[in-house]
Every structure is written in structure tokens, then in C-alpha cells.
Amino acid sequence: MNSNNLIADKHYIPLSKYKSSQVLELVTNGVSRKILASEVDHYQGAPLEDLEGKRYGYWLIDRYVNECGENCLKLNDRHLSGDIKLDLEARRIRRKQRASDCLKKNNKEIKRSSKVQFENSEAQKEYFLSLGESANDSESKKSTER
């Protein structure tokens, strides 16, 4: 990747030995998710998450659908503008998005918590009842064998 295009601090640009570097290179000019998956060996999304997260300073990566109907990713133009203020603006936007997404996910998990606790209680109860039945079965067998 030609990091000369990027105005970002050097510690926000992953070393070339990491998959995040390949992903950043591909999304700089725009890439379909299909091509991204084929170009980056064993791509599972974590390198993209690293780029968009705290580790690499919250890169803002735009999602869009191209003319072929493919889902695509492209580095936000603010990062490529050569203007440090625009680069920082993009990072603030991404950080805000990420915080909002995390909050939404957390709230869903909180709502789900009582259901999970109930399911856990029911499973525990069923398990312990089955232990009692097994114990009773073995006691019945012992008394009839005598």
C-alpha cells in the first residue's frame, strides 16, 4: 500500500505482516467483500474490526452496494484528503459509531439476560430432577434384588 496517500499517524497503519494491512490496502480504493475474502487468506472479519476499532485508531470504512449488487467497502475519503483535520474528523465519527453500536449490543444482551437466566434455571432443575430419578431407580433395583 502506498501509505503516502494516508495522512494518519504511523501507529494507526498496521505493519505489512498483519492481515489488517492487506485489508487497509484493499479498502483504500474500494473492494467487494467477495474479493476481500479471496485476497486475504483465512479472512474472518477480525482485521477489519481491528482497523475500525481502537487498535488502529478507528478507520472510517464506508459500506455500499456496487452496480453489480455486491456489498463493498471503501476507506472514507477524509482519510485520503491529505488534511489531518479531516482524518481526525473521520476517526471521531467512527469512534462515535462504534460506541453507539456497542451500546445497542449491550442493551440487547441486557434484555436477553433474564430469558437466559430462566433457561439456565430450567435446565439445572431438569438435570437435578433426573439425578434424583436415577438415584431412586438404583435404590428400587437394590431392594428388589435382595
C-alpha atoms as a PDB file:
ATOM      1  CA  MET A   1       0.000   0.000   0.000  1.00  0.00           C
ATOM      2  CA  ASN A   2       1.170   3.480  -0.687  1.00  0.00           C
ATOM      3  CA  SER A   3       0.852   4.941   2.779  1.00  0.00           C
ATOM      4  CA  ASN A   4       1.940   8.315   1.359  1.00  0.00           C
ATOM      5  CA  ASN A   5      -1.739   8.847   0.465  1.00  0.00           C
ATOM      6  CA  LEU A   6      -2.672   8.487   4.115  1.00  0.00           C
ATOM      7  CA  ILE A   7      -2.238  11.405   6.479  1.00  0.00           C
ATOM      8  CA  ALA A   8      -2.681   9.172   9.545  1.00  0.00           C
ATOM      9  CA  ASP A   9      -0.200   8.764  12.368  1.00  0.00           C
ATOM     10  CA  LYS A  10       2.145   5.877  11.628  1.00  0.00           C
ATOM     11  CA  HIS A  11       0.931   3.842  14.613  1.00  0.00           C
ATOM     12  CA  TYR A  12      -2.544   3.722  13.009  1.00  0.00           C
ATOM     13  CA  ILE A  13      -1.150   1.956   9.933  1.00  0.00           C
ATOM     14  CA  PRO A  14      -0.711  -1.794  10.505  1.00  0.00           C
ATOM     15  CA  LEU A  15       2.623  -3.407   9.716  1.00  0.00           C
ATOM     16  CA  SER A  16       2.660  -5.245   6.387  1.00  0.00           C
ATOM     17  CA  LYS A  17       2.962  -8.627   8.135  1.00  0.00           C
ATOM     18  CA  TYR A  18      -0.588  -8.292   9.505  1.00  0.00           C
ATOM     19  CA  LYS A  19      -3.804  -9.076   7.633  1.00  0.00           C
ATOM     20  CA  SER A  20      -5.120  -5.673   8.689  1.00  0.00           C
ATOM     21  CA  SER A  21      -2.518  -4.139   6.387  1.00  0.00           C
ATOM     22  CA  GLN A  22      -3.845  -6.125   3.416  1.00  0.00           C
ATOM     23  CA  VAL A  23      -7.401  -5.140   4.282  1.00  0.00           C
ATOM     24  CA  LEU A  24      -6.474  -1.458   4.585  1.00  0.00           C
ATOM     25  CA  GLU A  25      -4.745  -1.603   1.214  1.00  0.00           C
ATOM     26  CA  LEU A  26      -7.796  -3.165  -0.444  1.00  0.00           C
ATOM     27  CA  VAL A  27     -10.402  -0.863   1.104  1.00  0.00           C
ATOM     28  CA  THR A  28      -8.374   2.244   0.257  1.00  0.00           C
ATOM     29  CA  ASN A  29      -9.720   2.184  -3.318  1.00  0.00           C
ATOM     30  CA  GLY A  30     -12.863   0.183  -2.619  1.00  0.00           C
ATOM     31  CA  VAL A  31     -13.330  -3.578  -2.741  1.00  0.00           C
ATOM     32  CA  SER A  32     -16.200  -6.051  -2.735  1.00  0.00           C
ATOM     33  CA  ARG A  33     -16.466  -8.317   0.281  1.00  0.00           C
ATOM     34  CA  LYS A  34     -16.142 -11.302  -2.061  1.00  0.00           C
ATOM     35  CA  ILE A  35     -12.803 -10.086  -3.429  1.00  0.00           C
ATOM     36  CA  LEU A  36     -11.651  -9.117   0.057  1.00  0.00           C
ATOM     37  CA  ALA A  37     -12.331 -12.653   1.280  1.00  0.00           C
ATOM     38  CA  SER A  38     -10.467 -14.185  -1.674  1.00  0.00           C
ATOM     39  CA  GLU A  39      -7.453 -11.841  -1.432  1.00  0.00           C
ATOM     40  CA  VAL A  40      -6.836 -12.134   2.311  1.00  0.00           C
ATOM     41  CA  ASP A  41      -6.088 -15.713   3.386  1.00  0.00           C
ATOM     42  CA  HIS A  42      -8.410 -17.018   6.095  1.00  0.00           C
ATOM     43  CA  TYR A  43     -10.198 -13.666   6.310  1.00  0.00           C
ATOM     44  CA  GLN A  44     -12.833 -13.808   9.039  1.00  0.00           C
ATOM     45  CA  GLY A  45     -13.507 -10.113   9.611  1.00  0.00           C
ATOM     46  CA  ALA A  46     -11.189  -9.566  12.595  1.00  0.00           C
ATOM     47  CA  PRO A  47      -8.659  -7.497  10.601  1.00  0.00           C
ATOM     48  CA  LEU A  48     -11.476  -5.170   9.553  1.00  0.00           C
ATOM     49  CA  GLU A  49     -12.690  -4.943  13.147  1.00  0.00           C
ATOM     50  CA  ASP A  50      -9.147  -4.085  14.234  1.00  0.00           C
ATOM     51  CA  LEU A  51      -8.965  -1.285  11.660  1.00  0.00           C
ATOM     52  CA  GLU A  52     -12.303   0.144  12.716  1.00  0.00           C
ATOM     53  CA  GLY A  53     -11.532  -0.187  16.416  1.00  0.00           C
ATOM     54  CA  LYS A  54      -9.192   1.295  18.976  1.00  0.00           C
ATOM     55  CA  ARG A  55      -6.187  -0.819  17.924  1.00  0.00           C
ATOM     56  CA  TYR A  56      -5.626   1.151  14.706  1.00  0.00           C
ATOM     57  CA  GLY A  57      -7.299   4.415  15.605  1.00  0.00           C
ATOM     58  CA  TYR A  58     -10.854   3.967  14.303  1.00  0.00           C
ATOM     59  CA  TRP A  59     -10.606   3.963  10.497  1.00  0.00           C
ATOM     60  CA  LEU A  60     -13.922   5.011   8.971  1.00  0.00           C
ATOM     61  CA  ILE A  61     -14.790   2.488   6.274  1.00  0.00           C
ATOM     62  CA  ASP A  62     -17.887   3.124   4.194  1.00  0.00           C
ATOM     63  CA  ARG A  63     -20.233   0.334   3.138  1.00  0.00           C
ATOM     64  CA  TYR A  64     -22.032   0.438  -0.194  1.00  0.00           C
ATOM     65  CA  VAL A  65     -23.537  -1.774  -2.884  1.00  0.00           C
ATOM     66  CA  ASN A  66     -21.833  -1.538  -6.285  1.00  0.00           C
ATOM     67  CA  GLU A  67     -23.521  -1.616  -9.709  1.00  0.00           C
ATOM     68  CA  CYS A  68     -23.326  -5.450  -9.699  1.00  0.00           C
ATOM     69  CA  GLY A  69     -25.225  -5.633  -6.421  1.00  0.00           C
ATOM     70  CA  GLU A  70     -22.152  -6.674  -4.400  1.00  0.00           C
ATOM     71  CA  ASN A  71     -21.561  -5.449  -0.874  1.00  0.00           C
ATOM     72  CA  CYS A  72     -18.403  -3.326  -0.866  1.00  0.00           C
ATOM     73  CA  LEU A  73     -16.110  -1.455   1.479  1.00  0.00           C
ATOM     74  CA  LYS A  74     -14.150   1.737   0.856  1.00  0.00           C
ATOM     75  CA  LEU A  75     -11.967   3.851   3.072  1.00  0.00           C
ATOM     76  CA  ASN A  76     -13.693   7.147   3.757  1.00  0.00           C
ATOM     77  CA  ASP A  77     -12.297   9.954   1.605  1.00  0.00           C
ATOM     78  CA  ARG A  78     -11.476  12.067   4.662  1.00  0.00           C
ATOM     79  CA  HIS A  79      -8.587   9.695   5.394  1.00  0.00           C
ATOM     80  CA  LEU A  80      -7.207  10.258   1.884  1.00  0.00           C
ATOM     81  CA  SER A  81      -7.730  14.008   1.737  1.00  0.00           C
ATOM     82  CA  GLY A  82      -4.268  14.932   2.952  1.00  0.00           C
ATOM     83  CA  ASP A  83      -5.918  17.088   5.634  1.00  0.00           C
ATOM     84  CA  ILE A  84      -5.168  15.946   9.198  1.00  0.00           C
ATOM     85  CA  LYS A  85      -8.319  17.681  10.467  1.00  0.00           C
ATOM     86  CA  LEU A  86     -10.497  15.681   8.084  1.00  0.00           C
ATOM     87  CA  ASP A  87      -8.671  12.476   9.030  1.00  0.00           C
ATOM     88  CA  LEU A  88      -9.321  13.162  12.705  1.00  0.00           C
ATOM     89  CA  GLU A  89     -12.957  14.002  11.943  1.00  0.00           C
ATOM     90  CA  ALA A  90     -13.391  10.604  10.263  1.00  0.00           C
ATOM     91  CA  ARG A  91     -11.851   8.880  13.284  1.00  0.00           C
ATOM     92  CA  ARG A  92     -14.197  10.740  15.663  1.00  0.00           C
ATOM     93  CA  ILE A  93     -17.183   9.708  13.526  1.00  0.00           C
ATOM     94  CA  ARG A  94     -16.095   6.058  13.549  1.00  0.00           C
ATOM     95  CA  ARG A  95     -15.401   6.086  17.284  1.00  0.00           C
ATOM     96  CA  LYS A  96     -18.888   7.504  17.915  1.00  0.00           C
ATOM     97  CA  GLN A  97     -20.436   4.853  15.619  1.00  0.00           C
ATOM     98  CA  ARG A  98     -18.567   2.083  17.386  1.00  0.00           C
ATOM     99  CA  ALA A  99     -19.588   3.318  20.837  1.00  0.00           C
ATOM    100  CA  SER A 100     -23.204   3.528  19.694  1.00  0.00           C
ATOM    101  CA  ASP A 101     -23.076   0.005  18.202  1.00  0.00           C
ATOM    102  CA  CYS A 102     -21.560  -1.364  21.419  1.00  0.00           C
ATOM    103  CA  LEU A 103     -24.256   0.303  23.499  1.00  0.00           C
ATOM    104  CA  LYS A 104     -27.022  -1.172  21.307  1.00  0.00           C
ATOM    105  CA  LYS A 105     -25.456  -4.623  21.538  1.00  0.00           C
ATOM    106  CA  ASN A 106     -25.100  -4.292  25.301  1.00  0.00           C
ATOM    107  CA  ASN A 107     -28.751  -3.259  25.679  1.00  0.00           C
ATOM    108  CA  LYS A 108     -29.869  -6.278  23.634  1.00  0.00           C
ATOM    109  CA  GLU A 109     -27.802  -8.541  25.851  1.00  0.00           C
ATOM    110  CA  ILE A 110     -29.287  -6.988  28.987  1.00  0.00           C
ATOM    111  CA  LYS A 111     -32.802  -7.652  27.653  1.00  0.00           C
ATOM    112  CA  ARG A 112     -31.789 -11.203  26.795  1.00  0.00           C
ATOM    113  CA  SER A 113     -30.244 -11.801  30.216  1.00  0.00           C
ATOM    114  CA  SER A 114     -33.456 -12.628  32.114  1.00  0.00           C
ATOM    115  CA  LYS A 115     -34.502 -15.123  29.418  1.00  0.00           C
ATOM    116  CA  VAL A 116     -31.105 -16.803  29.551  1.00  0.00           C
ATOM    117  CA  GLN A 117     -31.225 -16.939  33.358  1.00  0.00           C
ATOM    118  CA  PHE A 118     -34.665 -18.567  33.199  1.00  0.00           C
ATOM    119  CA  GLU A 119     -33.469 -21.102  30.602  1.00  0.00           C
ATOM    120  CA  ASN A 120     -30.454 -21.875  32.772  1.00  0.00           C
ATOM    121  CA  SER A 121     -32.641 -22.389  35.853  1.00  0.00           C
ATOM    122  CA  GLU A 122     -34.970 -24.717  33.948  1.00  0.00           C
ATOM    123  CA  ALA A 123     -32.053 -26.756  32.599  1.00  0.00           C
ATOM    124  CA  GLN A 124     -30.487 -27.004  36.064  1.00  0.00           C
ATOM    125  CA  LYS A 125     -33.807 -28.069  37.584  1.00  0.00           C
ATOM    126  CA  GLU A 126     -34.359 -30.713  34.902  1.00  0.00           C
ATOM    127  CA  TYR A 127     -30.821 -32.013  35.383  1.00  0.00           C
ATOM    128  CA  PHE A 128     -31.103 -32.266  39.174  1.00  0.00           C
ATOM    129  CA  LEU A 129     -34.523 -33.920  38.935  1.00  0.00           C
ATOM    130  CA  SER A 130     -33.049 -36.513  36.593  1.00  0.00           C
ATOM    131  CA  LEU A 131     -30.317 -37.226  39.137  1.00  0.00           C
ATOM    132  CA  GLY A 132     -32.955 -37.839  41.768  1.00  0.00           C
ATOM    133  CA  GLU A 133     -34.821 -40.214  39.467  1.00  0.00           C
ATOM    134  CA  SER A 134     -31.621 -42.101  38.716  1.00  0.00           C
ATOM    135  CA  ALA A 135     -30.875 -42.408  42.416  1.00  0.00           C
ATOM    136  CA  ASN A 136     -34.419 -43.637  43.094  1.00  0.00           C
ATOM    137  CA  ASP A 137     -34.163 -46.142  40.233  1.00  0.00           C
ATOM    138  CA  SER A 138     -30.966 -47.629  41.608  1.00  0.00           C
ATOM    139  CA  GLU A 139     -32.470 -47.818  45.150  1.00  0.00           C
ATOM    140  CA  SER A 140     -35.525 -49.630  43.739  1.00  0.00           C
ATOM    141  CA  LYS A 141     -33.331 -52.110  41.894  1.00  0.00           C
ATOM    142  CA  LYS A 142     -31.264 -52.812  45.053  1.00  0.00           C
ATOM    143  CA  SER A 143     -34.356 -53.507  47.181  1.00  0.00           C
ATOM    144  CA  THR A 144     -35.885 -55.884  44.596  1.00  0.00           C
ATOM    145  CA  GLU A 145     -32.605 -57.717  44.179  1.00  0.00           C
ATOM    146  CA  ARG A 146     -32.496 -58.633  47.892  1.00  0.00           C
END
